[in-house]
C-alpha atoms as a PDB file:
ATOM      1  CA  MET A   1      92.609 123.255  39.224  1.00  0.00           C
ATOM      2  CA  PHE A   2      89.418 122.203  38.613  1.00  0.00           C
ATOM      3  CA  HIS A   3      88.876 120.472  41.781  1.00  0.00           C
ATOM      4  CA  ARG A   4      90.083 123.839  43.604  1.00  0.00           C
ATOM      5  CA  ARG A   5      87.373 125.600  41.631  1.00  0.00           C
ATOM      6  CA  LEU A   6      85.091 123.289  42.700  1.00  0.00           C
ATOM      7  CA  ILE A   7      85.936 123.061  46.312  1.00  0.00           C
ATOM      8  CA  LEU A   8      85.770 126.983  46.165  1.00  0.00           C
ATOM      9  CA  GLY A   9      82.449 126.636  44.925  1.00  0.00           C
ATOM     10  CA  ILE A  10      81.144 124.112  47.506  1.00  0.00           C
ATOM     11  CA  LEU A  11      82.358 126.527  49.730  1.00  0.00           C
ATOM     12  CA  PHE A  12      80.703 129.438  48.995  1.00  0.00           C
ATOM     13  CA  LEU A  13      77.588 127.455  49.094  1.00  0.00           C
ATOM     14  CA  LEU A  14      78.123 126.560  52.651  1.00  0.00           C
ATOM     15  CA  THR A  15      77.908 130.155  53.229  1.00  0.00           C
ATOM     16  CA  CYS A  16      74.920 130.841  50.669  1.00  0.00           C
ATOM     17  CA  CYS A  17      72.956 128.021  51.411  1.00  0.00           C
ATOM     18  CA  THR A  18      71.365 126.172  53.971  1.00  0.00           C
ATOM     19  CA  SER A  19      74.187 124.429  55.707  1.00  0.00           C
ATOM     20  CA  CYS A  20      72.240 121.066  55.904  1.00  0.00           C
ATOM     21  CA  ASN A  21      71.515 120.568  52.590  1.00  0.00           C
ATOM     22  CA  VAL A  22      74.776 121.286  51.311  1.00  0.00           C
ATOM     23  CA  PHE A  23      76.719 118.693  54.018  1.00  0.00           C
ATOM     24  CA  THR A  24      74.065 116.155  52.877  1.00  0.00           C
ATOM     25  CA  ARG A  25      75.246 116.708  49.329  1.00  0.00           C
ATOM     26  CA  ILE A  26      78.585 116.311  50.157  1.00  0.00           C
ATOM     27  CA  LEU A  27      78.210 113.268  52.550  1.00  0.00           C
ATOM     28  CA  LYS A  28      76.450 111.389  49.392  1.00  0.00           C
ATOM     29  CA  SER A  29      78.681 112.692  47.088  1.00  0.00           C
ATOM     30  CA  THR A  30      80.936 110.017  45.391  1.00  0.00           C
ATOM     31  CA  ASP A  31      84.199 112.699  45.053  1.00  0.00           C
ATOM     32  CA  ASN A  32      86.310 111.731  47.612  1.00  0.00           C
ATOM     33  CA  ASP A  33      88.477 114.180  47.104  1.00  0.00           C
ATOM     34  CA  LEU A  34      86.109 116.618  47.208  1.00  0.00           C
ATOM     35  CA  LYS A  35      85.129 115.322  50.762  1.00  0.00           C
ATOM     36  CA  TYR A  36      88.579 115.062  52.016  1.00  0.00           C
ATOM     37  CA  GLU A  37      89.141 118.825  51.164  1.00  0.00           C
ATOM     38  CA  VAL A  38      85.752 119.694  52.311  1.00  0.00           C
ATOM     39  CA  ALA A  39      86.546 117.901  55.615  1.00  0.00           C
ATOM     40  CA  MET A  40      89.711 119.427  56.138  1.00  0.00           C
ATOM     41  CA  ASP A  41      87.961 122.705  55.768  1.00  0.00           C
ATOM     42  CA  TYR A  42      85.439 122.132  58.566  1.00  0.00           C
ATOM     43  CA  TYR A  43      88.588 121.075  60.651  1.00  0.00           C
ATOM     44  CA  ASP A  44      90.357 124.064  60.295  1.00  0.00           C
ATOM     45  CA  ARG A  45      86.759 126.088  60.918  1.00  0.00           C
ATOM     46  CA  LYS A  46      86.633 124.096  63.966  1.00  0.00           C
ATOM     47  CA  ASP A  47      83.567 122.599  63.274  1.00  0.00           C
ATOM     48  CA  TYR A  48      84.563 118.773  64.508  1.00  0.00           C
ATOM     49  CA  ASN A  49      81.350 117.199  64.200  1.00  0.00           C
ATOM     50  CA  LYS A  50      81.008 117.269  60.321  1.00  0.00           C
ATOM     51  CA  ALA A  51      84.764 116.878  59.977  1.00  0.00           C
ATOM     52  CA  LEU A  52      84.682 113.665  62.083  1.00  0.00           C
ATOM     53  CA  GLN A  53      81.623 112.439  59.911  1.00  0.00           C
ATOM     54  CA  LEU A  54      83.562 113.280  56.157  1.00  0.00           C
ATOM     55  CA  PHE A  55      86.899 111.337  58.258  1.00  0.00           C
ATOM     56  CA  ASP A  56      84.543 108.538  59.426  1.00  0.00           C
ATOM     57  CA  LEU A  57      83.486 107.743  55.309  1.00  0.00           C
ATOM     58  CA  LEU A  58      87.020 108.225  54.116  1.00  0.00           C
ATOM     59  CA  GLN A  59      88.997 106.560  56.290  1.00  0.00           C
ATOM     60  CA  ASN A  60      89.236 103.201  54.482  1.00  0.00           C
ATOM     61  CA  THR A  61      89.201 104.784  50.946  1.00  0.00           C
ATOM     62  CA  PHE A  62      92.345 106.452  51.781  1.00  0.00           C
ATOM     63  CA  ARG A  63      93.833 104.066  54.672  1.00  0.00           C
ATOM     64  CA  ASN A  64      97.649 103.939  54.127  1.00  0.00           C
ATOM     65  CA  THR A  65      97.977 106.925  51.997  1.00  0.00           C
ATOM     66  CA  PRO A  66      99.248 110.299  53.071  1.00  0.00           C
ATOM     67  CA  LYS A  67      95.716 111.441  52.774  1.00  0.00           C
ATOM     68  CA  GLY A  68      94.899 108.823  55.305  1.00  0.00           C
ATOM     69  CA  GLU A  69      97.298 109.543  57.582  1.00  0.00           C
ATOM     70  CA  PHE A  70      95.898 113.122  57.937  1.00  0.00           C
ATOM     71  CA  ILE A  71      92.734 111.815  58.509  1.00  0.00           C
ATOM     72  CA  ALA A  72      93.943 109.304  60.953  1.00  0.00           C
ATOM     73  CA  TYR A  73      95.411 111.939  63.136  1.00  0.00           C
ATOM     74  CA  ARG A  74      93.053 114.676  62.376  1.00  0.00           C
ATOM     75  CA  THR A  75      89.965 112.126  63.620  1.00  0.00           C
ATOM     76  CA  ALA A  76      91.707 111.732  67.075  1.00  0.00           C
ATOM     77  CA  MET A  77      92.106 115.381  67.256  1.00  0.00           C
ATOM     78  CA  CYS A  78      88.870 116.016  66.910  1.00  0.00           C
ATOM     79  CA  TYR A  79      88.017 113.665  69.721  1.00  0.00           C
ATOM     80  CA  TYR A  80      90.639 115.563  71.669  1.00  0.00           C
ATOM     81  CA  LEU A  81      89.504 118.788  71.052  1.00  0.00           C
ATOM     82  CA  THR A  82      85.942 118.097  71.761  1.00  0.00           C
ATOM     83  CA  ASN A  83      87.240 116.803  75.383  1.00  0.00           C
ATOM     84  CA  ASP A  84      86.291 113.083  74.708  1.00  0.00           C
ATOM     85  CA  PHE A  85      89.745 112.222  75.806  1.00  0.00           C
ATOM     86  CA  GLU A  86      88.708 108.241  75.975  1.00  0.00           C
ATOM     87  CA  ILE A  87      87.785 108.322  72.721  1.00  0.00           C
ATOM     88  CA  ALA A  88      91.027 110.391  71.380  1.00  0.00           C
ATOM     89  CA  GLY A  89      93.127 108.458  73.355  1.00  0.00           C
ATOM     90  CA  TYR A  90      91.862 105.361  71.517  1.00  0.00           C
ATOM     91  CA  TYR A  91      92.799 107.061  67.980  1.00  0.00           C
ATOM     92  CA  PHE A  92      96.184 108.545  68.865  1.00  0.00           C
ATOM     93  CA  ASN A  93      96.659 104.950  69.721  1.00  0.00           C
ATOM     94  CA  LYS A  94      95.660 103.735  66.479  1.00  0.00           C
ATOM     95  CA  PHE A  95      97.498 106.341  64.335  1.00  0.00           C
ATOM     96  CA  ILE A  96     100.441 104.997  66.058  1.00  0.00           C
ATOM     97  CA  ASN A  97      99.844 101.535  65.461  1.00  0.00           C
ATOM     98  CA  GLY A  98      98.967 102.581  61.299  1.00  0.00           C
ATOM     99  CA  TYR A  99     101.221 104.806  61.015  1.00  0.00           C
ATOM    100  CA  PRO A 100     104.530 104.343  63.303  1.00  0.00           C
ATOM    101  CA  PHE A 101     106.742 106.438  61.157  1.00  0.00           C
ATOM    102  CA  SER A 102     104.793 109.232  60.663  1.00  0.00           C
ATOM    103  CA  LYS A 103     106.226 112.530  61.706  1.00  0.00           C
ATOM    104  CA  ASP A 104     103.145 113.005  64.026  1.00  0.00           C
ATOM    105  CA  ALA A 105     104.003 109.687  65.635  1.00  0.00           C
ATOM    106  CA  GLU A 106     105.713 111.227  68.946  1.00  0.00           C
ATOM    107  CA  LEU A 107     103.037 113.788  69.637  1.00  0.00           C
ATOM    108  CA  ALA A 108     100.344 111.210  69.129  1.00  0.00           C
ATOM    109  CA  ALA A 109     102.287 108.964  71.540  1.00  0.00           C
ATOM    110  CA  PHE A 110     102.414 111.935  74.064  1.00  0.00           C
ATOM    111  CA  MET A 111      99.064 112.861  73.512  1.00  0.00           C
ATOM    112  CA  ASN A 112      97.737 109.224  73.704  1.00  0.00           C
ATOM    113  CA  ALA A 113      99.122 109.295  77.425  1.00  0.00           C
ATOM    114  CA  TYR A 114      97.825 112.757  78.215  1.00  0.00           C
ATOM    115  CA  CYS A 115      94.089 111.907  76.994  1.00  0.00           C
ATOM    116  CA  THR A 116      94.582 108.832  79.777  1.00  0.00           C
ATOM    117  CA  TYR A 117      95.961 111.206  81.939  1.00  0.00           C
ATOM    118  CA  MET A 118      92.515 113.556  81.548  1.00  0.00           C
ATOM    119  CA  THR A 119      90.758 110.337  82.517  1.00  0.00           C
ATOM    120  CA  SER A 120      92.302 110.045  85.911  1.00  0.00           C
ATOM    121  CA  PRO A 121      90.042 109.885  88.857  1.00  0.00           C
ATOM    122  CA  ILE A 122      90.542 111.626  91.908  1.00  0.00           C
ATOM    123  CA  SER A 123      92.530 109.715  94.521  1.00  0.00           C
ATOM    124  CA  SER A 124      89.629 108.410  96.011  1.00  0.00           C
ATOM    125  CA  LEU A 125      88.544 106.349  92.886  1.00  0.00           C
ATOM    126  CA  ASP A 126      89.779 103.490  91.215  1.00  0.00           C
ATOM    127  CA  GLN A 127      93.459 104.298  89.520  1.00  0.00           C
ATOM    128  CA  GLU A 128      93.403 101.970  86.974  1.00  0.00           C
ATOM    129  CA  ASN A 129      93.483 104.918  84.450  1.00  0.00           C
ATOM    130  CA  THR A 130      96.135 106.627  86.716  1.00  0.00           C
ATOM    131  CA  LYS A 131      98.347 103.384  86.313  1.00  0.00           C
ATOM    132  CA  LYS A 132      97.555 103.069  82.569  1.00  0.00           C
ATOM    133  CA  ALA A 133      98.595 106.973  82.109  1.00  0.00           C
ATOM    134  CA  ILE A 134     102.045 106.274  84.022  1.00  0.00           C
ATOM    135  CA  THR A 135     103.026 103.116  81.846  1.00  0.00           C
ATOM    136  CA  GLN A 136     102.387 105.078  78.864  1.00  0.00           C
ATOM    137  CA  PHE A 137     104.291 108.418  80.025  1.00  0.00           C
ATOM    138  CA  GLU A 138     106.987 106.153  81.101  1.00  0.00           C
ATOM    139  CA  ASN A 139     107.413 104.369  77.569  1.00  0.00           C
ATOM    140  CA  PHE A 140     107.048 107.662  76.100  1.00  0.00           C
ATOM    141  CA  ILE A 141     109.955 109.366  77.899  1.00  0.00           C
ATOM    142  CA  GLU A 142     112.256 106.223  76.783  1.00  0.00           C
ATOM    143  CA  GLN A 143     111.210 105.897  73.047  1.00  0.00           C
ATOM    144  CA  TYR A 144     111.844 109.977  73.109  1.00  0.00           C
ATOM    145  CA  PRO A 145     114.125 110.824  75.160  1.00  0.00           C
ATOM    146  CA  GLN A 146     115.280 114.268  73.024  1.00  0.00           C
ATOM    147  CA  SER A 147     111.511 115.105  72.627  1.00  0.00           C
ATOM    148  CA  ASP A 148     110.419 118.985  73.198  1.00  0.00           C
ATOM    149  CA  SER A 149     107.395 117.337  75.353  1.00  0.00           C
ATOM    150  CA  LEU A 150     110.181 115.681  78.120  1.00  0.00           C
ATOM    151  CA  ALA A 151     109.784 118.210  80.952  1.00  0.00           C
ATOM    152  CA  ARG A 152     105.897 118.336  80.124  1.00  0.00           C
ATOM    153  CA  ALA A 153     105.860 114.214  80.420  1.00  0.00           C
ATOM    154  CA  GLN A 154     107.604 114.169  83.332  1.00  0.00           C
ATOM    155  CA  GLU A 155     105.879 117.140  84.950  1.00  0.00           C
ATOM    156  CA  LEU A 156     102.145 114.938  84.325  1.00  0.00           C
ATOM    157  CA  LEU A 157     104.040 111.548  85.595  1.00  0.00           C
ATOM    158  CA  ASN A 158     104.918 113.192  88.816  1.00  0.00           C
ATOM    159  CA  ASP A 159     101.328 113.916  89.365  1.00  0.00           C
ATOM    160  CA  LEU A 160     100.130 110.922  88.739  1.00  0.00           C
ATOM    161  CA  ASN A 161     102.628 109.233  90.741  1.00  0.00           C
ATOM    162  CA  SER A 162     101.859 111.483  93.549  1.00  0.00           C
ATOM    163  CA  LYS A 163      97.847 111.010  93.075  1.00  0.00           C
ATOM    164  CA  LEU A 164      98.452 106.563  93.647  1.00  0.00           C
ATOM    165  CA  GLU A 165     100.908 107.994  96.830  1.00  0.00           C
ATOM    166  CA  GLU A 166      97.417 109.842  98.223  1.00  0.00           C
ATOM    167  CA  LYS A 167      95.349 106.356  97.501  1.00  0.00           C
ATOM    168  CA  ASP A 168      97.773 105.004  99.554  1.00  0.00           C
ATOM    169  CA  TYR A 169      97.928 107.610 101.933  1.00  0.00           C
ATOM    170  CA  ASP A 170      94.491 107.678 102.249  1.00  0.00           C
ATOM    171  CA  ILE A 171      94.293 103.696 102.821  1.00  0.00           C
ATOM    172  CA  CYS A 172      97.059 104.150 105.245  1.00  0.00           C
ATOM    173  CA  MET A 173      94.684 106.353 107.115  1.00  0.00           C
ATOM    174  CA  LEU A 174      91.302 104.415 106.691  1.00  0.00           C
ATOM    175  CA  TYR A 175      93.239 101.728 108.739  1.00  0.00           C
ATOM    176  CA  TYR A 176      94.720 104.074 111.480  1.00  0.00           C
ATOM    177  CA  ARG A 177      91.127 105.732 112.126  1.00  0.00           C
ATOM    178  CA  MET A 178      89.533 102.086 112.105  1.00  0.00           C
ATOM    179  CA  SER A 179      92.166 100.943 114.946  1.00  0.00           C
ATOM    180  CA  ASN A 180      93.104  98.317 112.763  1.00  0.00           C
ATOM    181  CA  TYR A 181      96.699  98.109 114.231  1.00  0.00           C
ATOM    182  CA  ASN A 182      98.704  95.790 112.187  1.00  0.00           C
ATOM    183  CA  ALA A 183      97.287  97.104 109.167  1.00  0.00           C
ATOM    184  CA  ALA A 184      97.759 100.554 109.709  1.00  0.00           C
ATOM    185  CA  ILE A 185     101.493  99.879 110.753  1.00  0.00           C
ATOM    186  CA  THR A 186     102.142  97.570 107.700  1.00  0.00           C
ATOM    187  CA  SER A 187     100.565 100.209 105.242  1.00  0.00           C
ATOM    188  CA  PHE A 188     102.562 102.980 106.788  1.00  0.00           C
ATOM    189  CA  GLU A 189     105.840 101.305 106.388  1.00  0.00           C
ATOM    190  CA  ASN A 190     105.146 100.331 103.154  1.00  0.00           C
ATOM    191  CA  LEU A 191     104.264 103.920 101.658  1.00  0.00           C
ATOM    192  CA  LEU A 192     107.490 105.142 103.650  1.00  0.00           C
ATOM    193  CA  LYS A 193     109.546 102.398 101.472  1.00  0.00           C
ATOM    194  CA  LYS A 194     107.983 103.483  98.206  1.00  0.00           C
ATOM    195  CA  TYR A 195     107.692 106.988  98.673  1.00  0.00           C
ATOM    196  CA  PRO A 196     111.064 108.142 100.671  1.00  0.00           C
ATOM    197  CA  ASN A 197     110.166 111.626  99.988  1.00  0.00           C
ATOM    198  CA  THR A 198     106.409 111.623 100.447  1.00  0.00           C
ATOM    199  CA  LYS A 199     105.307 115.124 101.833  1.00  0.00           C
ATOM    200  CA  HIS A 200     103.450 113.230 104.635  1.00  0.00           C
ATOM    201  CA  ARG A 201     106.708 111.452 105.895  1.00  0.00           C
ATOM    202  CA  GLU A 202     106.648 113.451 109.496  1.00  0.00           C
ATOM    203  CA  GLU A 203     103.057 113.149 109.974  1.00  0.00           C
ATOM    204  CA  ILE A 204     103.089 109.299 109.434  1.00  0.00           C
ATOM    205  CA  LEU A 205     105.775 109.034 111.792  1.00  0.00           C
ATOM    206  CA  SER A 206     103.820 110.661 114.400  1.00  0.00           C
ATOM    207  CA  GLU A 207     100.899 108.463 113.693  1.00  0.00           C
ATOM    208  CA  MET A 208     102.937 105.403 113.462  1.00  0.00           C
ATOM    209  CA  ALA A 209     104.277 106.405 117.315  1.00  0.00           C
ATOM    210  CA  ILE A 210     100.710 106.651 118.046  1.00  0.00           C
ATOM    211  CA  THR A 211      99.468 103.392 116.303  1.00  0.00           C
ATOM    212  CA  TYR A 212     102.394 101.600 118.159  1.00  0.00           C
ATOM    213  CA  TYR A 213     101.320 102.706 121.597  1.00  0.00           C
ATOM    214  CA  ASP A 214      97.744 101.928 120.838  1.00  0.00           C
ATOM    215  CA  TYR A 215      98.648  98.455 119.597  1.00  0.00           C
ATOM    216  CA  ALA A 216     100.494  97.932 122.822  1.00  0.00           C
ATOM    217  CA  GLU A 217      98.027  98.964 124.962  1.00  0.00           C
ATOM    218  CA  ASN A 218      95.952  96.091 123.106  1.00  0.00           C
ATOM    219  CA  SER A 219      98.616  93.571 123.056  1.00  0.00           C
ATOM    220  CA  ILE A 220      98.986  90.604 124.863  1.00  0.00           C
ATOM    221  CA  PRO A 221     101.934  91.244 127.679  1.00  0.00           C
ATOM    222  CA  GLU A 222     104.481  89.568 125.376  1.00  0.00           C
ATOM    223  CA  LYS A 223     104.014  91.682 122.831  1.00  0.00           C
ATOM    224  CA  GLN A 224     103.633  94.757 124.949  1.00  0.00           C
ATOM    225  CA  LYS A 225     107.058  95.582 124.995  1.00  0.00           C
ATOM    226  CA  GLU A 226     108.700  95.581 121.715  1.00  0.00           C
ATOM    227  CA  ARG A 227     105.587  97.864 120.396  1.00  0.00           C
ATOM    228  CA  TYR A 228     106.033 100.243 123.204  1.00  0.00           C
ATOM    229  CA  GLU A 229     109.561 100.473 121.840  1.00  0.00           C
ATOM    230  CA  ALA A 230     108.670 100.622 118.521  1.00  0.00           C
ATOM    231  CA  CYS A 231     106.587 103.368 119.467  1.00  0.00           C
ATOM    232  CA  ILE A 232     109.529 105.226 121.432  1.00  0.00           C
ATOM    233  CA  GLU A 233     111.660 105.077 117.943  1.00  0.00           C
ATOM    234  CA  ARG A 234     109.276 106.391 115.651  1.00  0.00           C
ATOM    235  CA  CYS A 235     109.289 109.267 117.950  1.00  0.00           C
ATOM    236  CA  ASN A 236     113.050 109.647 118.371  1.00  0.00           C
ATOM    237  CA  THR A 237     112.614 109.052 114.060  1.00  0.00           C
ATOM    238  CA  LEU A 238     110.395 112.425 113.630  1.00  0.00           C
ATOM    239  CA  THR A 239     112.477 114.246 116.761  1.00  0.00           C
ATOM    240  CA  TYR A 240     115.584 113.573 114.767  1.00  0.00           C
ATOM    241  CA  LEU A 241     114.424 114.499 111.169  1.00  0.00           C
ATOM    242  CA  PHE A 242     111.667 116.977 112.049  1.00  0.00           C
ATOM    243  CA  PRO A 243     113.133 118.577 115.143  1.00  0.00           C
ATOM    244  CA  ASP A 244     110.314 121.705 114.356  1.00  0.00           C
ATOM    245  CA  SER A 245     107.620 119.710 113.611  1.00  0.00           C
ATOM    246  CA  PRO A 246     104.224 120.596 114.178  1.00  0.00           C
ATOM    247  CA  TYR A 247     103.050 116.793 114.716  1.00  0.00           C
ATOM    248  CA  LEU A 248     106.462 116.370 117.416  1.00  0.00           C
ATOM    249  CA  LYS A 249     104.528 117.557 120.840  1.00  0.00           C
ATOM    250  CA  LYS A 250     101.658 114.739 120.396  1.00  0.00           C
ATOM    251  CA  ALA A 251     104.144 112.189 119.506  1.00  0.00           C
ATOM    252  CA  GLN A 252     106.466 112.699 122.572  1.00  0.00           C
ATOM    253  CA  ALA A 253     103.757 113.003 124.791  1.00  0.00           C
ATOM    254  CA  VAL A 254     102.435 109.308 123.609  1.00  0.00           C
ATOM    255  CA  ALA A 255     106.449 108.308 123.805  1.00  0.00           C
ATOM    256  CA  ASN A 256     106.587 109.521 127.287  1.00  0.00           C
ATOM    257  CA  LYS A 257     103.828 107.372 128.125  1.00  0.00           C
ATOM    258  CA  ALA A 258     105.434 104.595 126.468  1.00  0.00           C
ATOM    259  CA  ARG A 259     108.741 104.842 128.620  1.00  0.00           C
ATOM    260  CA  LYS A 260     106.459 104.776 131.873  1.00  0.00           C
ATOM    261  CA  LYS A 261     104.843 101.849 130.751  1.00  0.00           C
ATOM    262  CA  LEU A 262     108.410 100.178 129.873  1.00  0.00           C
ATOM    263  CA  GLU A 263     109.250 101.070 133.252  1.00  0.00           C
ATOM    264  CA  ASN A 264     106.924  98.523 134.749  1.00  0.00           C
ATOM    265  CA  ILE A 265     107.795  95.805 132.138  1.00  0.00           C
ATOM    266  CA  HIS A 266     110.470  93.065 133.628  1.00  0.00           C
END
């Protein structure tokens, strides 16, 4: 009761006195229970900067206690709620390791992965954090198969995999535009194996037909026949799978040219 009255008195002072002076007195106070209650009040009032300063002072004092568990989780949440996702992820991971049996461990595991997801860059940049987030979400799904967050985790995981797919596709197109025929074809083949349901499938088949034709045109005579045939084969696959594809007309024109070339190869 005494602590409750004291806390209420402090909170009253927060509204009546110079906030900076009061906060400084609290920081210097030796009453850690008071600091804890005031820190939680700052957190509830969304003053995350002041809450973090107090949490930082209290972490060692209350480590491995119920109050320490609250402090550790809310420290991570303070950084998350101020959009400092990299630091938030670090503290969510620290919370998981420090309090693996906490009722908040499941949510912390999801938030750890989500914070990494939020640091994943656009597909044209390095995808290290994208791969890291994928691993974290896969671990979350495996560890908490009954979680209420499972559908959201799978949705975010799909989004991350799509980003890696776009990265691979960008690389394919770079080789394609550079007329690096062998690298382009190898990259296209690998992308189709890795992402058989890619949204770029019909476009890739068309580009492969064109690339094989250009590859044949720039090949030694001994290699031309098989590359013209590969051009025609990719066009036939595109025709069979996507008979209404907007890429079909261009691919078929190239395949017809390849057939005429083959007529002159003995």
